[in-house]
Amino acid sequence: MEENLASKSQRTSAVLVGMSTAFITSFFGSALNLSIPDMGVYFHMGAASVGWLITAYSLIIAAFSVPFGKLADSTSRRTVLIVGTSVFGAASLAAVFSPNAVVILSIRVIQALGAAMIFATNMPIAISVFPGKERGKAIGMVTSGTYSGLALGPVLGGILNTYFGWKSIFIFGTLVSVFALIINLKGLEKDHLESKPAKQDITGNIFYILMIASIIYGLSSLNSLRFGWAFILIGIALGVLFARTELKAENPVIDVRIFRGDRTYTLSNITALFNYSATFALGYLVSIYLQVVLGLSSQTAGFILISQPFFMAVLSPKMGKMSDRVAPYKLASAGMGLCALSLLFFAFIHARTPVWMIVIALSVAGIGISLFSSPNTNVIMSCVPPAKFGVANSILTTMRTTGQSSGMAIIMLVVSGTVGNISLYDIDSGDLVRTVHIAFIIFTVLCAAGIFMSLQRKRS
């Protein structure tokens, strides 16, 4: 499908598919967190076991997004998205009938494989039907779907879980998946290969999956396993082997030469890694602060926290469209600057900080993230030809997941160093405030480093 021949209806369908699939995958990420305690009781799972319902999902997405992106680029993005949406919807429905812990964990892995296919294709499909001068507009709309899911997840997920039980969240996921699938089948044209399919790089795929899985697992288990660092080191070693393999491969999963040859592409991905590392845990820490230090209910805390993703969802399309007219790296750098200001504010909060100030700081963070995300994605996608959109977007997905895991790992290390291996909900409010201060100082420094990286793109 050539971008300059795409009709208005085809563009609308591509954007609707992108937004709906982005919405449901992010909705699950935020809504299911509220149901984890109930699911643990239902399946008689301990704290460590039930945590795998979240960890396994993130790990699989991070490890398989790039291989699926490469497969989609060399075969058919539409077909991979159809399969991914079908797998995601079927797994969501199957979860409702899970009889035990082993089955629900297996279903979550299958659901994550479907999500990885979605992440690898929904954005590339949407932007491939828009001309280059309107690419940011398409990116902004799909990104808005992601942040809408994050915003509605705690609210709608909480309502569903409270009145209808955790199974209703999976049923809702099934219905949205069916909606996206219908639009895909009816509204999108079959895409055709631009070149003859090449032999898949099986060795490279294996090394990549093992590398990312080791790093993400190591980051996620730093506070629970004595040898968590060993997995990270193993992942780094596998990364070296992966890079050497890709340099020799006829059809590499990732053309690693682009990181050496294209300064803008490399800096943009590193900037994304820093941004997600610095900002992902913001909602998590503030939620605990609101409940433990200020004594607010979880429902009230949830409504306060909506202020951040609300601005992310509303402003992302506008920021994406703006990045078609203004140098995207400038917008992304400004966005990280706002994020840094918000993080710095939270590094000095105390037990008497007014709620309205917290709402404003969260709103500033939401504006900053919306100002960063779509423009930075526009930079990355502009560095590669349309035939490589799938892999490029999948690498960005990996940066996001790795950054998010790094952010949570930082919190676990700070907690371990300040109050020991206990839940944040169980520590003294004074110790919690001190822990929050240390964590946000680290996140502010990370964000400042990201701003530095982002501004280096001016020279490229």
Protein backbone atom coordinates (compact mmCIF):
# COMPACT_ATOMS: atom_id res chain seq x y z
CA MET A 1 0.00 0.00 0.00
CA GLU A 2 1.73 3.19 -1.09
CA GLU A 3 1.36 6.05 1.32
CA ASN A 4 0.48 8.63 -1.33
CA LEU A 5 -2.39 6.49 -2.67
CA ALA A 6 -4.09 5.79 0.66
CA SER A 7 -7.64 7.09 0.75
CA LYS A 8 -9.16 9.03 3.62
CA SER A 9 -11.16 5.96 4.71
CA GLN A 10 -8.03 3.81 4.71
CA ARG A 11 -6.21 6.35 6.85
CA THR A 12 -9.16 6.51 9.25
CA SER A 13 -9.26 2.71 9.52
CA ALA A 14 -5.50 2.52 10.09
CA VAL A 15 -5.67 5.12 12.86
CA LEU A 16 -8.70 3.47 14.50
CA VAL A 17 -6.94 0.10 14.49
CA GLY A 18 -3.80 1.70 15.90
CA MET A 19 -5.67 3.60 18.61
CA SER A 20 -7.92 0.71 19.69
CA THR A 21 -5.07 -1.83 19.92
CA ALA A 22 -2.84 0.72 21.69
CA PHE A 23 -5.70 1.46 24.08
CA ILE A 24 -6.43 -2.12 25.09
CA THR A 25 -2.79 -3.15 25.62
CA SER A 26 -2.09 -0.12 27.85
CA PHE A 27 -5.49 -0.44 29.58
CA PHE A 28 -4.61 -3.97 30.66
CA GLY A 29 -1.29 -2.77 32.00
CA SER A 30 -2.90 -0.23 34.34
CA ALA A 31 -6.28 -1.87 35.09
CA LEU A 32 -5.06 -5.34 35.94
CA ASN A 33 -2.74 -4.01 38.67
CA LEU A 34 -5.86 -3.28 40.72
CA SER A 35 -7.09 -6.86 40.33
CA ILE A 36 -3.86 -8.65 41.20
CA PRO A 37 -4.75 -9.05 44.94
CA ASP A 38 -8.16 -10.54 44.07
CA MET A 39 -6.62 -12.84 41.47
CA GLY A 40 -4.05 -13.98 44.02
CA VAL A 41 -6.83 -14.97 46.43
CA TYR A 42 -8.89 -16.62 43.67
CA PHE A 43 -6.00 -18.78 42.42
CA HIS A 44 -4.40 -19.29 45.86
CA MET A 45 -1.17 -17.63 44.73
CA GLY A 46 1.46 -16.10 47.03
CA ALA A 47 2.84 -12.60 46.60
CA ALA A 48 5.84 -13.77 44.56
CA SER A 49 3.74 -15.99 42.29
CA VAL A 50 0.99 -13.47 41.63
CA GLY A 51 3.63 -10.88 40.72
CA TRP A 52 4.50 -13.00 37.71
CA LEU A 53 1.11 -12.17 36.21
CA ILE A 54 2.59 -8.71 35.59
CA THR A 55 6.29 -9.53 35.22
CA ALA A 56 5.85 -12.32 32.67
CA TYR A 57 3.63 -10.11 30.53
CA SER A 58 6.19 -7.28 30.38
CA LEU A 59 9.11 -9.65 29.85
CA ILE A 60 7.52 -11.42 26.88
CA ILE A 61 6.54 -8.15 25.19
CA ALA A 62 10.06 -6.78 25.54
CA ALA A 63 11.71 -9.96 24.27
CA PHE A 64 9.46 -10.70 21.29
CA SER A 65 8.48 -7.28 19.91
CA VAL A 66 11.58 -6.91 17.69
CA PRO A 67 11.44 -10.46 16.24
CA PHE A 68 7.76 -9.93 15.41
CA GLY A 69 8.56 -6.50 13.99
CA LYS A 70 11.16 -8.03 11.68
CA LEU A 71 8.71 -10.76 10.65
CA ALA A 72 6.03 -8.16 9.92
CA ASP A 73 8.39 -6.00 7.86
CA SER A 74 9.40 -8.96 5.71
CA THR A 75 5.95 -10.52 5.29
CA SER A 76 2.73 -8.60 6.06
CA ARG A 77 2.14 -6.16 8.92
CA ARG A 78 -1.61 -6.49 8.52
CA THR A 79 -1.46 -10.27 8.86
CA VAL A 80 0.78 -10.11 11.93
CA LEU A 81 -1.55 -7.53 13.51
CA ILE A 82 -4.59 -9.70 12.77
CA VAL A 83 -2.92 -12.71 14.35
CA GLY A 84 -1.73 -10.65 17.31
CA THR A 85 -5.15 -9.09 17.94
CA SER A 86 -6.82 -12.49 17.62
CA VAL A 87 -4.36 -14.11 20.04
CA PHE A 88 -4.74 -11.24 22.51
CA GLY A 89 -8.55 -11.38 22.38
CA ALA A 90 -8.71 -15.19 22.57
CA ALA A 91 -6.32 -15.26 25.53
CA SER A 92 -8.38 -12.57 27.27
CA LEU A 93 -11.50 -14.70 26.88
CA ALA A 94 -9.70 -17.88 27.93
CA ALA A 95 -8.50 -16.19 31.12
CA VAL A 96 -12.11 -15.98 32.30
CA PHE A 97 -12.27 -19.78 32.40
CA SER A 98 -8.83 -20.42 33.97
CA PRO A 99 -9.07 -23.20 36.57
CA ASN A 100 -5.75 -22.69 38.36
CA ALA A 101 -2.59 -20.60 38.69
CA VAL A 102 -0.57 -22.51 36.08
CA VAL A 103 -3.22 -21.98 33.42
CA ILE A 104 -3.69 -18.26 34.10
CA LEU A 105 0.08 -17.70 33.99
CA SER A 106 0.29 -19.60 30.70
CA ILE A 107 -2.57 -17.54 29.29
CA ARG A 108 -0.85 -14.31 30.33
CA VAL A 109 2.25 -15.43 28.39
CA ILE A 110 0.12 -16.13 25.32
CA GLN A 111 -1.65 -12.80 25.74
CA ALA A 112 1.76 -11.09 25.89
CA LEU A 113 2.80 -12.75 22.62
CA GLY A 114 -0.31 -11.26 21.02
CA ALA A 115 0.51 -7.87 22.56
CA ALA A 116 4.08 -8.08 21.17
CA MET A 117 2.64 -8.60 17.67
CA ILE A 118 0.37 -5.60 18.22
CA PHE A 119 3.20 -3.36 19.43
CA ALA A 120 5.28 -4.38 16.42
CA THR A 121 2.64 -3.41 13.87
CA ASN A 122 -0.06 -0.98 15.01
CA MET A 123 2.05 2.17 14.83
CA PRO A 124 3.83 1.20 11.54
CA ILE A 125 0.49 0.46 9.88
CA ALA A 126 -0.95 3.81 10.95
CA ILE A 127 2.00 5.94 9.80
CA SER A 128 2.59 4.01 6.56
CA VAL A 129 -0.68 5.33 5.06
CA PHE A 130 0.18 8.98 5.81
CA PRO A 131 2.64 11.06 3.81
CA GLY A 132 5.89 11.91 5.58
CA LYS A 133 4.79 15.50 6.27
CA GLU A 134 1.82 14.18 8.30
CA ARG A 135 3.63 11.33 10.06
CA GLY A 136 3.64 13.11 13.42
CA LYS A 137 -0.13 13.54 13.25
CA ALA A 138 -0.62 9.77 12.92
CA ILE A 139 1.90 9.04 15.66
CA GLY A 140 0.15 11.46 18.00
CA MET A 141 -3.27 9.84 17.49
CA VAL A 142 -2.01 6.29 18.11
CA THR A 143 -0.04 7.51 21.14
CA SER A 144 -3.23 9.13 22.41
CA GLY A 145 -4.83 5.68 22.37
CA THR A 146 -2.03 4.40 24.59
CA TYR A 147 -2.41 7.19 27.13
CA SER A 148 -6.21 6.94 27.07
CA GLY A 149 -5.81 3.33 28.17
CA LEU A 150 -3.46 4.40 30.95
CA ALA A 151 -5.91 7.10 32.08
CA LEU A 152 -9.03 4.94 32.04
CA GLY A 153 -7.33 1.81 33.39
CA PRO A 154 -7.37 2.71 37.10
CA VAL A 155 -10.89 4.20 36.94
CA LEU A 156 -12.75 1.80 34.66
CA GLY A 157 -10.67 -1.16 35.83
CA GLY A 158 -11.46 -0.29 39.44
CA ILE A 159 -15.19 -0.05 38.70
CA LEU A 160 -15.22 -3.35 36.80
CA ASN A 161 -13.20 -5.13 39.47
CA THR A 162 -15.31 -3.73 42.33
CA TYR A 163 -18.75 -4.48 40.91
CA PHE A 164 -18.16 -7.39 38.51
CA GLY A 165 -14.88 -9.00 39.58
CA TRP A 166 -11.49 -9.35 37.88
CA LYS A 167 -12.92 -11.50 35.07
CA SER A 168 -14.86 -8.51 33.72
CA ILE A 169 -11.58 -6.78 32.83
CA PHE A 170 -10.62 -9.70 30.59
CA ILE A 171 -14.10 -9.70 29.04
CA PHE A 172 -13.74 -5.99 28.28
CA GLY A 173 -10.38 -6.74 26.67
CA THR A 174 -12.01 -9.38 24.50
CA LEU A 175 -14.68 -6.96 23.27
CA VAL A 176 -12.20 -4.22 22.34
CA SER A 177 -10.02 -6.81 20.57
CA VAL A 178 -13.01 -7.93 18.49
CA PHE A 179 -13.73 -4.29 17.60
CA ALA A 180 -10.14 -3.75 16.43
CA LEU A 181 -10.17 -7.02 14.52
CA ILE A 182 -13.35 -6.10 12.62
CA ILE A 183 -11.90 -2.73 11.59
CA ASN A 184 -8.68 -4.40 10.50
CA LEU A 185 -10.43 -7.01 8.37
CA LYS A 186 -12.91 -4.59 6.77
CA GLY A 187 -11.01 -1.31 6.61
CA LEU A 188 -7.37 -2.13 5.85
CA GLU A 189 -6.13 -3.24 2.47
CA LYS A 190 -3.80 -6.19 2.19
CA ASP A 191 -0.23 -4.97 2.20
CA HIS A 192 2.30 -6.30 -0.25
CA LEU A 193 5.98 -7.02 0.08
CA GLU A 194 8.30 -4.40 -1.33
CA SER A 195 10.93 -7.06 -1.92
CA LYS A 196 11.29 -10.82 -1.98
CA PRO A 197 11.15 -12.24 1.56
CA ALA A 198 14.64 -13.06 2.83
CA LYS A 199 15.65 -15.92 5.06
CA GLN A 200 14.88 -15.17 8.71
CA ASP A 201 17.82 -14.75 11.09
CA ILE A 202 16.99 -17.53 13.54
CA THR A 203 20.26 -17.29 15.49
CA GLY A 204 19.90 -13.53 15.87
CA ASN A 205 16.30 -13.90 17.05
CA ILE A 206 17.32 -16.42 19.72
CA PHE A 207 20.19 -14.27 20.98
CA TYR A 208 17.94 -11.19 21.07
CA ILE A 209 15.11 -12.91 22.97
CA LEU A 210 17.51 -14.39 25.54
CA MET A 211 19.37 -11.07 25.88
CA ILE A 212 16.27 -8.97 26.58
CA ALA A 213 14.65 -11.62 28.77
CA SER A 214 17.80 -11.88 30.93
CA ILE A 215 18.13 -8.11 31.36
CA ILE A 216 14.44 -7.52 32.12
CA TYR A 217 14.29 -10.47 34.53
CA GLY A 218 17.47 -9.31 36.24
CA LEU A 219 16.12 -5.78 36.68
CA SER A 220 12.79 -7.10 37.97
CA SER A 221 14.38 -9.42 40.53
CA LEU A 222 17.19 -7.27 41.94
CA ASN A 223 15.45 -7.01 45.30
CA SER A 224 14.18 -10.58 45.48
CA LEU A 225 17.09 -12.66 44.16
CA ARG A 226 20.65 -12.66 45.46
CA PHE A 227 21.92 -13.19 41.93
CA GLY A 228 19.71 -10.71 40.10
CA TRP A 229 22.80 -8.85 38.88
CA ALA A 230 24.05 -12.08 37.29
CA PHE A 231 21.11 -12.14 34.90
CA ILE A 232 21.84 -8.56 33.85
CA LEU A 233 25.49 -9.45 33.19
CA ILE A 234 24.42 -12.53 31.23
CA GLY A 235 22.10 -10.32 29.20
CA ILE A 236 24.93 -7.89 28.43
CA ALA A 237 27.18 -10.77 27.35
CA LEU A 238 24.41 -12.09 25.11
CA GLY A 239 24.09 -8.57 23.70
CA VAL A 240 27.73 -8.66 22.61
CA LEU A 241 27.17 -12.02 20.94
CA PHE A 242 24.00 -10.69 19.32
CA ALA A 243 25.80 -7.66 17.87
CA ARG A 244 28.62 -9.84 16.45
CA THR A 245 26.07 -12.23 14.95
CA GLU A 246 24.07 -9.41 13.34
CA LEU A 247 27.16 -7.90 11.70
CA LYS A 248 27.64 -11.15 9.81
CA ALA A 249 23.97 -12.04 9.15
CA GLU A 250 22.58 -11.84 5.62
CA ASN A 251 19.22 -10.55 6.85
CA PRO A 252 19.81 -9.38 10.46
CA VAL A 253 16.99 -8.91 12.93
CA ILE A 254 18.46 -5.49 13.67
CA ASP A 255 20.96 -3.79 11.41
CA VAL A 256 23.22 -2.76 14.29
CA ARG A 257 25.29 -0.60 11.94
CA ILE A 258 22.54 2.02 12.05
CA PHE A 259 23.37 2.74 15.69
CA ARG A 260 26.93 3.57 14.67
CA GLY A 261 26.11 5.30 11.42
CA ASP A 262 23.02 7.34 12.36
CA ARG A 263 23.71 9.55 15.36
CA THR A 264 20.16 10.92 15.49
CA TYR A 265 18.60 7.45 15.55
CA THR A 266 20.91 6.27 18.33
CA LEU A 267 20.47 9.38 20.48
CA SER A 268 16.68 9.27 20.08
CA ASN A 269 16.47 5.70 21.36
CA ILE A 270 18.82 6.43 24.26
CA THR A 271 16.76 9.52 25.10
CA ALA A 272 13.61 7.35 25.17
CA LEU A 273 15.33 4.90 27.52
CA PHE A 274 16.24 7.72 29.93
CA ASN A 275 12.77 9.25 29.73
CA TYR A 276 10.90 6.05 30.54
CA SER A 277 13.39 5.16 33.29
CA ALA A 278 12.84 8.54 34.93
CA THR A 279 9.06 8.93 34.58
CA PHE A 280 7.49 5.46 34.66
CA ALA A 281 7.53 5.03 38.44
CA LEU A 282 6.07 8.49 39.09
CA GLY A 283 2.49 7.28 39.42
CA TYR A 284 3.52 4.29 41.54
CA LEU A 285 5.43 6.34 44.11
CA VAL A 286 2.91 9.19 44.26
CA SER A 287 0.05 6.70 44.70
CA ILE A 288 1.75 5.18 47.75
CA TYR A 289 2.61 8.63 49.10
CA LEU A 290 -1.01 9.79 48.81
CA GLN A 291 -2.29 6.74 50.68
CA VAL A 292 0.39 6.22 53.33
CA VAL A 293 1.53 9.80 54.06
CA LEU A 294 -1.62 11.82 53.33
CA GLY A 295 -4.01 9.05 54.38
CA LEU A 296 -6.21 9.21 51.27
CA SER A 297 -8.24 6.26 50.03
CA SER A 298 -7.07 4.31 46.98
CA GLN A 299 -10.08 5.61 45.03
CA THR A 300 -9.27 9.25 45.85
CA ALA A 301 -5.62 8.67 45.02
CA GLY A 302 -6.67 7.17 41.70
CA PHE A 303 -8.69 10.24 40.74
CA ILE A 304 -5.75 12.51 41.63
CA LEU A 305 -3.36 10.43 39.55
CA ILE A 306 -5.61 10.69 36.48
CA SER A 307 -4.39 14.27 35.99
CA GLN A 308 -1.14 12.99 34.48
CA PRO A 309 -2.40 10.55 31.80
CA PHE A 310 -5.35 12.87 31.06
CA PHE A 311 -3.02 15.53 29.66
CA MET A 312 -0.96 12.82 27.93
CA ALA A 313 -4.04 11.51 26.13
CA VAL A 314 -5.51 14.91 25.21
CA LEU A 315 -2.31 16.61 24.07
CA SER A 316 -0.49 13.76 22.26
CA PRO A 317 -2.32 14.26 18.92
CA LYS A 318 -1.60 18.00 19.05
CA MET A 319 2.07 17.46 19.90
CA GLY A 320 2.40 14.86 17.17
CA LYS A 321 0.90 17.22 14.61
CA MET A 322 3.14 20.04 15.85
CA SER A 323 6.20 17.84 15.32
CA ASP A 324 5.42 17.88 11.58
CA ARG A 325 6.08 21.64 11.58
CA VAL A 326 8.60 22.21 14.39
CA ALA A 327 11.91 20.37 14.80
CA PRO A 328 10.80 17.29 16.81
CA TYR A 329 13.98 17.14 18.88
CA LYS A 330 13.23 20.64 20.23
CA LEU A 331 9.75 19.57 21.34
CA ALA A 332 11.07 16.36 22.87
CA SER A 333 13.81 18.24 24.77
CA ALA A 334 11.28 20.77 26.07
CA GLY A 335 9.03 17.90 27.16
CA MET A 336 11.84 16.28 29.13
CA GLY A 337 12.54 19.66 30.70
CA LEU A 338 8.97 19.81 32.03
CA CYS A 339 9.29 16.23 33.29
CA ALA A 340 12.50 17.15 35.12
CA LEU A 341 10.75 20.08 36.83
CA SER A 342 7.92 17.82 37.97
CA LEU A 343 10.31 15.15 39.26
CA LEU A 344 12.33 17.78 41.10
CA PHE A 345 9.16 19.02 42.81
CA PHE A 346 8.41 15.52 44.12
CA ALA A 347 11.96 15.29 45.46
CA PHE A 348 10.93 17.90 48.06
CA ILE A 349 7.36 16.94 48.99
CA HIS A 350 6.50 16.41 52.65
CA ALA A 351 3.59 15.39 54.86
CA ARG A 352 1.91 18.80 54.52
CA THR A 353 2.26 19.31 50.77
CA PRO A 354 -1.14 20.54 49.46
CA VAL A 355 -2.98 18.14 47.15
CA TRP A 356 -3.54 20.91 44.59
CA MET A 357 0.22 21.31 44.21
CA ILE A 358 0.56 17.58 43.59
CA VAL A 359 -2.16 17.74 40.93
CA ILE A 360 -0.35 20.62 39.20
CA ALA A 361 2.98 18.75 39.30
CA LEU A 362 1.37 15.61 37.87
CA SER A 363 -0.26 17.71 35.16
CA VAL A 364 3.10 19.27 34.26
CA ALA A 365 4.56 15.76 34.00
CA GLY A 366 1.66 14.72 31.74
CA ILE A 367 2.19 17.74 29.48
CA GLY A 368 5.93 17.02 29.40
CA ILE A 369 5.50 13.36 28.46
CA SER A 370 3.02 14.23 25.69
CA LEU A 371 5.46 16.85 24.42
CA PHE A 372 8.23 14.25 24.42
CA SER A 373 6.66 10.99 23.27
CA SER A 374 5.09 11.67 19.85
CA PRO A 375 7.86 14.02 18.60
CA ASN A 376 10.60 11.63 19.72
CA THR A 377 8.84 8.74 17.97
CA ASN A 378 8.57 10.92 14.86
CA VAL A 379 12.34 11.46 14.92
CA ILE A 380 13.01 7.73 15.20
CA MET A 381 10.60 6.70 12.45
CA SER A 382 11.97 9.42 10.16
CA CYS A 383 15.44 7.87 10.41
CA VAL A 384 14.42 4.60 8.71
CA PRO A 385 12.70 3.74 5.43
CA PRO A 386 9.04 2.60 5.55
CA ALA A 387 10.15 -1.00 4.97
CA LYS A 388 11.78 -0.98 8.43
CA PHE A 389 9.03 0.74 10.40
CA GLY A 390 8.14 -2.48 12.24
CA VAL A 391 11.63 -3.13 13.62
CA ALA A 392 12.20 0.55 14.44
CA ASN A 393 8.95 0.78 16.41
CA SER A 394 9.70 -2.54 18.13
CA ILE A 395 13.13 -1.31 19.24
CA LEU A 396 11.41 1.74 20.72
CA THR A 397 9.00 -0.62 22.52
CA THR A 398 12.00 -2.47 23.96
CA MET A 399 13.53 0.82 25.11
CA ARG A 400 10.25 1.69 26.80
CA THR A 401 9.92 -1.66 28.58
CA THR A 402 13.58 -1.75 29.62
CA GLY A 403 13.32 1.83 30.88
CA GLN A 404 10.20 1.03 32.88
CA SER A 405 11.87 -2.01 34.43
CA SER A 406 14.93 0.10 35.24
CA GLY A 407 12.76 2.69 36.98
CA MET A 408 11.13 0.05 39.17
CA ALA A 409 14.54 -1.53 39.86
CA ILE A 410 15.82 1.85 41.09
CA ILE A 411 12.89 2.09 43.51
CA MET A 412 13.53 -1.42 44.82
CA LEU A 413 17.22 -0.64 45.37
CA VAL A 414 16.44 2.65 47.13
CA VAL A 415 13.85 0.96 49.36
CA SER A 416 16.25 -1.86 50.16
CA GLY A 417 18.98 0.62 51.07
CA THR A 418 16.78 2.85 53.25
CA VAL A 419 14.23 0.66 55.02
CA GLY A 420 15.07 -2.92 54.05
CA ASN A 421 13.09 -5.56 52.19
CA ILE A 422 9.55 -4.58 53.20
CA SER A 423 6.51 -3.26 51.41
CA LEU A 424 6.29 0.51 50.94
CA TYR A 425 2.75 0.34 52.30
CA ASP A 426 4.08 -0.99 55.63
CA ILE A 427 6.84 1.52 56.41
CA ASP A 428 6.65 4.62 58.60
CA SER A 429 5.42 7.73 56.76
CA GLY A 430 8.62 9.61 57.63
CA ASP A 431 10.79 6.85 56.19
CA LEU A 432 8.57 6.75 53.12
CA VAL A 433 9.01 10.48 52.50
CA ARG A 434 12.80 10.09 52.80
CA THR A 435 12.70 7.16 50.37
CA VAL A 436 10.58 9.14 47.91
CA HIS A 437 13.03 12.06 48.08
CA ILE A 438 16.02 9.87 47.23
CA ALA A 439 14.20 8.10 44.40
CA PHE A 440 13.02 11.33 42.77
CA ILE A 441 16.46 12.92 43.02
CA ILE A 442 17.82 9.95 41.05
CA PHE A 443 14.98 10.22 38.54
CA THR A 444 15.60 13.96 38.12
CA VAL A 445 19.26 13.27 37.35
CA LEU A 446 18.26 10.62 34.81
CA CYS A 447 15.86 13.05 33.17
CA ALA A 448 18.58 15.72 33.02
CA ALA A 449 20.87 13.19 31.33
CA GLY A 450 18.09 12.49 28.84
CA ILE A 451 17.78 16.21 28.08
CA PHE A 452 21.51 16.36 27.39
CA MET A 453 21.24 13.37 25.03
CA SER A 454 18.22 14.89 23.29
CA LEU A 455 19.93 18.22 22.67
CA GLN A 456 22.92 16.46 21.09
CA ARG A 457 20.64 15.73 18.13
CA LYS A 458 20.94 19.38 17.11
CA ARG A 459 24.38 18.59 15.74
CA SER A 460 23.10 15.70 13.63
